[in-house]
Amino acid sequence: MSNQSKPIVITMGDPSGVGAEVTLKAIATLPADRRAQYAVIGDRDTLERARAVCDLDLGLHAHGEEGAAGSLAVIHEPVEGLPGEFGVLSPACGEASFRYIDRAVKMTSGGEAACIVTAPINKAALNSAGHHYDGHTGMLAHLTGCKSSWMLLASPTLNVIHVSTHVSLKDAIDRATPERVLETIRIGHNHLRRMGIEKPRIAVAGINPHCGEGGLFGNEDDLQVTPGVKAAQEEGINVVGPIPADTVYYRAHSGAFDLIVAQYHDQGHIPIKLIAFDTAVNCSLGLPIDRCSVDHGTAFDIAGTGKANHANMLSALSYADQLAKARG
């Protein structure tokens, strides 16, 4: 079976959040034949409530069974104790979030699914259920047996891969070793080649203001970042840096680079959320499976109101289509 004939599975995310809503809204906008590409892993009752809130004319059917034309396949994963209402922080919802992802990983690793698209989870709920991860990226690395993974934020005009993500700024500086910088460049380079860019143009952002200004503002760029960049250049990768972070994103957004290597979470997230808040896609790299996600949270404050914007989910589904085709 080719990868393109396997379903792309969507994990519903935290049942109390907007995941069910944005998933159903996004699928409902697609032509009927495209809806058949997807199956959502989650709670059937939650999906039914979200469908009613959004007043959607979208049928649901059990995955593996024949459904009405244009209906969405559902893989129901039962979890006891779900609150039955939106906007509630609950350990049961954290447990459900984990189970949906675990099942998606098993399906994708086992060849039953082509790719995973994740709706948002709540880290506090996840940890209260006993699953101690910093989010999707760390959880997916653990579930697939990988020691490390990378977060890429992708948008039409700016792509950013991170040396580190959910750690303190102090720890992020320590983690920006020459080895990690080099591996991040390699991972980003290989991903963009896979996505059709033959020779990606990569720029590495500096850690300190003005990359340290010759040691006036720190020497981390000289000692930690520059050796990683030089090693990548010696491998034939088209990469430059470190470049001051206050200018490199503008240059990339203007078309000078295909990818920015950000040194830490906020350095990469702030610029891309400024220019592509509703369309940027979060993609996990370095795993044996493909996963991308919306780049927003559970939005408990508006969950269950029908107000959640599904544009980001549409972008994630589109990126997942590309990933599935690239894997073949």
Protein backbone atom coordinates (compact mmCIF):
# COMPACT_ATOMS: atom_id res chain seq x y z
CA MET A 1 0.00 0.00 0.00
CA SER A 2 1.46 3.38 -0.97
CA ASN A 3 1.74 6.07 1.67
CA GLN A 4 -0.73 8.26 -0.21
CA SER A 5 -3.46 5.59 0.08
CA LYS A 6 -3.13 5.47 3.88
CA PRO A 7 -5.15 7.91 6.02
CA ILE A 8 -3.68 10.96 7.64
CA VAL A 9 -4.73 10.70 11.27
CA ILE A 10 -5.73 13.78 13.26
CA THR A 11 -5.50 13.64 17.03
CA MET A 12 -8.36 15.60 18.59
CA GLY A 13 -6.21 17.14 21.34
CA ASP A 14 -7.55 18.04 24.77
CA PRO A 15 -11.30 17.24 24.79
CA SER A 16 -11.96 20.45 26.72
CA GLY A 17 -10.18 22.63 24.17
CA VAL A 18 -10.90 23.82 20.65
CA GLY A 19 -9.32 20.80 18.95
CA ALA A 20 -12.58 19.06 18.06
CA GLU A 21 -14.07 22.32 16.81
CA VAL A 22 -11.20 23.40 14.54
CA THR A 23 -10.82 19.87 13.20
CA LEU A 24 -14.46 19.55 12.18
CA LYS A 25 -14.62 23.08 10.81
CA ALA A 26 -11.53 22.50 8.69
CA ILE A 27 -12.69 19.14 7.35
CA ALA A 28 -16.13 20.57 6.55
CA THR A 29 -14.58 23.11 4.18
CA LEU A 30 -12.86 20.42 2.10
CA PRO A 31 -14.38 18.71 -0.95
CA ALA A 32 -15.98 15.37 -0.13
CA ASP A 33 -13.29 13.35 -1.88
CA ARG A 34 -10.52 15.00 0.16
CA ARG A 35 -12.27 14.28 3.44
CA ALA A 36 -11.71 10.58 2.80
CA GLN A 37 -7.94 11.14 3.28
CA TYR A 38 -8.37 11.77 7.01
CA ALA A 39 -9.43 9.98 10.18
CA VAL A 40 -9.71 11.69 13.57
CA ILE A 41 -8.64 9.93 16.76
CA GLY A 42 -10.62 11.19 19.72
CA ASP A 43 -13.87 11.02 21.65
CA ARG A 44 -17.03 10.53 19.59
CA ASP A 45 -19.30 12.36 22.08
CA THR A 46 -16.98 15.39 22.18
CA LEU A 47 -16.92 15.53 18.38
CA GLU A 48 -20.72 15.34 18.28
CA ARG A 49 -21.00 18.24 20.76
CA ALA A 50 -18.51 20.28 18.76
CA ARG A 51 -20.43 19.58 15.57
CA ALA A 52 -23.65 20.78 17.20
CA VAL A 53 -22.02 23.93 18.59
CA CYS A 54 -20.67 24.80 15.14
CA ASP A 55 -23.89 23.76 13.37
CA LEU A 56 -21.97 21.72 10.81
CA ASP A 57 -23.53 19.47 8.20
CA LEU A 58 -20.71 16.93 8.45
CA GLY A 59 -21.37 13.26 9.02
CA LEU A 60 -19.21 11.08 11.26
CA HIS A 61 -18.63 7.35 10.84
CA ALA A 62 -16.46 4.72 12.51
CA HIS A 63 -13.10 4.23 10.84
CA GLY A 64 -13.09 1.02 8.82
CA GLU A 65 -16.84 1.12 8.22
CA GLU A 66 -18.68 2.54 5.23
CA GLY A 67 -19.91 6.06 5.85
CA ALA A 68 -22.05 8.49 3.92
CA ALA A 69 -20.32 10.36 1.12
CA GLY A 70 -18.24 13.19 2.54
CA SER A 71 -18.42 12.02 6.16
CA LEU A 72 -15.38 11.94 8.44
CA ALA A 73 -13.93 8.71 9.82
CA VAL A 74 -13.62 8.60 13.62
CA ILE A 75 -11.35 6.33 15.66
CA HIS A 76 -13.02 6.44 19.07
CA GLU A 77 -10.61 6.12 21.97
CA PRO A 78 -12.64 5.75 25.20
CA VAL A 79 -11.40 7.47 28.36
CA GLU A 80 -13.38 7.49 31.60
CA GLY A 81 -14.09 10.68 33.51
CA LEU A 82 -14.12 13.23 30.70
CA PRO A 83 -15.91 16.34 32.01
CA GLY A 84 -18.52 16.47 29.25
CA GLU A 85 -18.10 20.21 28.84
CA PHE A 86 -15.55 22.50 27.24
CA GLY A 87 -13.08 24.80 28.97
CA VAL A 88 -12.28 22.54 31.96
CA LEU A 89 -8.75 21.68 33.08
CA SER A 90 -8.96 17.96 33.82
CA PRO A 91 -6.54 15.05 34.39
CA ALA A 92 -8.93 12.87 32.39
CA CYS A 93 -8.51 15.18 29.43
CA GLY A 94 -4.75 14.98 29.85
CA GLU A 95 -4.99 11.18 29.81
CA ALA A 96 -7.17 11.34 26.70
CA SER A 97 -4.71 13.64 24.95
CA PHE A 98 -1.91 11.15 25.61
CA ARG A 99 -3.91 8.14 24.44
CA TYR A 100 -4.89 9.80 21.18
CA ILE A 101 -1.27 10.58 20.39
CA ASP A 102 -0.06 7.16 21.48
CA ARG A 103 -2.54 5.48 19.18
CA ALA A 104 -1.60 7.75 16.29
CA VAL A 105 2.09 6.94 16.77
CA LYS A 106 1.37 3.21 16.80
CA MET A 107 -0.73 3.48 13.65
CA THR A 108 1.89 5.54 11.82
CA SER A 109 4.84 3.45 13.01
CA GLY A 110 2.99 0.28 12.06
CA GLY A 111 2.24 1.45 8.54
CA GLU A 112 -1.50 1.96 9.05
CA ALA A 113 -1.36 5.75 8.67
CA ALA A 114 0.68 8.12 6.53
CA CYS A 115 1.14 11.08 8.86
CA ILE A 116 -0.11 12.64 12.09
CA VAL A 117 -1.76 16.04 12.48
CA THR A 118 -2.18 17.09 16.10
CA ALA A 119 -4.75 19.46 17.56
CA PRO A 120 -3.63 21.32 20.71
CA ILE A 121 -3.09 19.71 24.10
CA ASN A 122 -2.87 21.34 27.53
CA LYS A 123 0.49 20.71 29.20
CA ALA A 124 -0.92 21.15 32.73
CA ALA A 125 -3.65 18.58 32.07
CA LEU A 126 -1.15 16.22 30.48
CA ASN A 127 1.20 16.39 33.46
CA SER A 128 -1.65 16.10 35.98
CA ALA A 129 -2.48 12.77 34.33
CA GLY A 130 1.05 11.55 35.04
CA HIS A 131 2.51 12.09 31.57
CA HIS A 132 5.48 14.34 32.19
CA TYR A 133 6.42 15.84 28.85
CA ASP A 134 7.09 19.40 27.75
CA GLY A 135 4.56 19.02 24.97
CA HIS A 136 4.01 17.11 21.74
CA THR A 137 7.61 17.21 20.55
CA GLY A 138 9.14 15.57 23.62
CA MET A 139 6.30 13.08 23.87
CA LEU A 140 6.66 12.01 20.25
CA ALA A 141 10.41 11.59 20.64
CA HIS A 142 9.83 9.31 23.65
CA LEU A 143 7.07 7.29 21.99
CA THR A 144 9.17 6.69 18.88
CA GLY A 145 12.34 5.88 20.81
CA CYS A 146 14.27 8.93 19.64
CA LYS A 147 16.78 10.65 21.90
CA SER A 148 16.16 14.00 20.27
CA SER A 149 13.77 15.84 17.98
CA TRP A 150 13.44 19.30 16.49
CA MET A 151 10.63 21.80 16.14
CA LEU A 152 10.18 23.48 12.77
CA LEU A 153 7.70 26.30 12.30
CA ALA A 154 6.73 26.59 8.64
CA SER A 155 4.94 29.38 6.82
CA PRO A 156 4.81 30.56 3.20
CA THR A 157 7.58 33.16 3.68
CA LEU A 158 9.47 32.07 6.79
CA ASN A 159 10.66 28.69 8.06
CA VAL A 160 12.34 28.40 11.47
CA ILE A 161 13.96 25.38 13.13
CA HIS A 162 14.96 25.56 16.79
CA VAL A 163 18.16 24.41 18.49
CA SER A 164 16.11 24.15 21.71
CA THR A 165 12.50 24.89 22.65
CA HIS A 166 10.81 24.34 26.00
CA VAL A 167 13.68 25.07 28.37
CA SER A 168 14.75 28.15 30.31
CA LEU A 169 16.79 30.78 28.48
CA LYS A 170 19.79 29.89 30.66
CA ASP A 171 19.52 26.21 29.72
CA ALA A 172 18.95 27.10 26.06
CA ILE A 173 22.31 28.88 25.92
CA ASP A 174 24.03 25.84 27.41
CA ARG A 175 22.31 23.55 24.91
CA ALA A 176 23.54 25.54 21.91
CA THR A 177 26.64 23.40 21.55
CA PRO A 178 28.55 23.17 18.26
CA GLU A 179 27.28 19.59 17.90
CA ARG A 180 23.63 20.53 18.44
CA VAL A 181 23.90 23.53 16.11
CA LEU A 182 25.42 21.33 13.41
CA GLU A 183 22.77 18.63 13.80
CA THR A 184 19.99 21.24 13.70
CA ILE A 185 21.37 22.61 10.43
CA ARG A 186 21.57 19.09 8.98
CA ILE A 187 18.02 18.22 10.02
CA GLY A 188 16.59 21.43 8.54
CA HIS A 189 18.63 21.04 5.36
CA ASN A 190 17.47 17.48 4.79
CA HIS A 191 13.83 18.36 5.48
CA LEU A 192 13.73 21.20 2.97
CA ARG A 193 15.43 19.01 0.36
CA ARG A 194 12.75 16.43 0.96
CA MET A 195 10.10 19.12 0.50
CA GLY A 196 11.49 20.00 -2.93
CA ILE A 197 14.15 22.68 -2.34
CA GLU A 198 17.29 21.26 -3.96
CA LYS A 199 19.86 23.48 -2.23
CA PRO A 200 18.25 25.22 0.77
CA ARG A 201 19.67 28.58 1.78
CA ILE A 202 20.09 28.49 5.54
CA ALA A 203 20.98 31.26 7.99
CA VAL A 204 21.86 30.70 11.64
CA ALA A 205 20.76 33.34 14.14
CA GLY A 206 23.21 34.44 16.79
CA ILE A 207 22.62 34.05 20.51
CA ASN A 208 23.78 37.44 21.77
CA PRO A 209 23.01 40.97 20.55
CA HIS A 210 25.06 41.59 17.39
CA CYS A 211 26.45 38.05 17.82
CA GLY A 212 28.47 39.27 20.78
CA GLU A 213 30.09 42.26 19.00
CA GLY A 214 33.54 40.71 19.10
CA GLY A 215 33.20 39.58 22.69
CA LEU A 216 31.75 42.78 24.13
CA PHE A 217 28.37 41.12 24.72
CA GLY A 218 29.49 37.55 25.30
CA ASN A 219 31.52 34.96 23.44
CA GLU A 220 28.91 32.19 23.03
CA ASP A 221 28.49 32.91 19.32
CA ASP A 222 32.20 32.57 18.67
CA LEU A 223 32.68 29.47 20.80
CA GLN A 224 29.39 27.59 20.34
CA VAL A 225 27.60 28.67 17.17
CA THR A 226 30.38 29.45 14.69
CA PRO A 227 32.06 26.01 14.93
CA GLY A 228 28.74 24.30 14.17
CA VAL A 229 28.17 26.52 11.14
CA LYS A 230 31.68 25.92 9.81
CA ALA A 231 31.29 22.17 10.20
CA ALA A 232 28.06 22.28 8.19
CA GLN A 233 29.73 24.33 5.47
CA GLU A 234 32.48 21.71 5.25
CA GLU A 235 29.75 19.14 4.58
CA GLY A 236 28.60 21.17 1.58
CA ILE A 237 25.51 22.69 3.18
CA ASN A 238 24.62 26.18 1.99
CA VAL A 239 24.59 27.88 5.40
CA VAL A 240 25.83 31.19 6.78
CA GLY A 241 26.04 32.64 10.27
CA PRO A 242 25.80 33.45 12.97
CA ILE A 243 23.84 36.52 11.84
CA PRO A 244 22.33 38.99 14.35
CA ALA A 245 18.78 37.90 15.12
CA ASP A 246 17.43 41.44 14.83
CA THR A 247 18.07 41.45 11.04
CA VAL A 248 18.15 37.83 9.86
CA TYR A 249 14.39 37.24 10.07
CA TYR A 250 13.64 40.30 7.95
CA ARG A 251 16.12 39.08 5.35
CA ALA A 252 14.56 35.62 5.29
CA HIS A 253 11.03 37.01 5.10
CA SER A 254 12.19 39.14 2.16
CA GLY A 255 13.41 36.05 0.30
CA ALA A 256 17.14 35.84 1.10
CA PHE A 257 16.94 32.52 2.99
CA ASP A 258 14.76 29.41 2.97
CA LEU A 259 15.36 28.53 6.61
CA ILE A 260 16.45 30.21 9.84
CA VAL A 261 18.08 28.26 12.66
CA ALA A 262 16.84 29.87 15.89
CA GLN A 263 18.80 29.29 19.07
CA TYR A 264 15.85 29.17 21.48
CA HIS A 265 12.06 29.17 21.72
CA ASP A 266 11.09 32.83 21.72
CA GLN A 267 13.78 33.83 19.24
CA GLY A 268 12.06 31.62 16.67
CA HIS A 269 8.43 31.82 17.73
CA ILE A 270 7.97 35.57 18.03
CA PRO A 271 8.81 36.55 14.44
CA ILE A 272 6.87 33.75 12.79
CA LYS A 273 3.80 34.33 14.96
CA LEU A 274 3.97 38.01 14.10
CA ILE A 275 3.79 37.40 10.37
CA ALA A 276 1.86 34.10 10.19
CA PHE A 277 -0.12 33.69 13.40
CA ASP A 278 -3.04 31.90 11.73
CA THR A 279 -1.12 29.94 9.09
CA ALA A 280 2.20 28.77 10.61
CA VAL A 281 2.49 25.00 11.02
CA ASN A 282 4.48 23.21 13.72
CA CYS A 283 6.38 20.23 12.31
CA SER A 284 8.41 17.68 14.30
CA LEU A 285 11.68 16.65 12.64
CA GLY A 286 14.16 13.92 13.47
CA LEU A 287 11.47 11.29 14.07
CA PRO A 288 10.89 8.08 12.10
CA ILE A 289 7.32 9.26 11.45
CA ASP A 290 5.82 12.50 10.12
CA ARG A 291 3.88 14.85 12.37
CA CYS A 292 2.70 18.42 12.00
CA SER A 293 0.34 20.51 14.06
CA VAL A 294 -1.54 23.72 14.49
CA ASP A 295 0.58 26.36 16.19
CA HIS A 296 -1.92 27.50 18.83
CA GLY A 297 -3.17 26.33 22.19
CA THR A 298 -6.35 24.81 23.59
CA ALA A 299 -8.06 28.21 24.03
CA PHE A 300 -10.21 27.10 26.97
CA ASP A 301 -11.72 30.59 27.15
CA ILE A 302 -13.56 30.19 23.83
CA ALA A 303 -13.84 26.40 23.64
CA GLY A 304 -17.42 25.30 23.03
CA THR A 305 -18.56 28.68 21.69
CA GLY A 306 -18.08 27.96 18.00
CA LYS A 307 -15.74 30.95 17.65
CA ALA A 308 -12.41 29.16 17.15
CA ASN A 309 -10.62 29.95 13.90
CA HIS A 310 -9.85 26.83 11.86
CA ALA A 311 -7.45 28.47 9.37
CA ASN A 312 -4.41 27.08 11.16
CA MET A 313 -5.80 23.54 11.04
CA LEU A 314 -6.34 23.90 7.30
CA SER A 315 -2.68 24.89 6.94
CA ALA A 316 -1.63 21.87 9.00
CA LEU A 317 -3.72 19.52 6.88
CA SER A 318 -2.19 20.97 3.71
CA TYR A 319 1.34 20.53 5.09
CA ALA A 320 0.51 16.96 6.11
CA ASP A 321 -0.56 16.25 2.53
CA GLN A 322 2.88 17.40 1.36
CA LEU A 323 4.62 15.26 3.98
CA ALA A 324 2.65 12.17 2.98
CA LYS A 325 3.47 12.69 -0.70
CA ALA A 326 7.15 13.31 0.07
CA ARG A 327 7.37 10.01 1.96
CA GLY A 328 5.78 8.26 -1.03
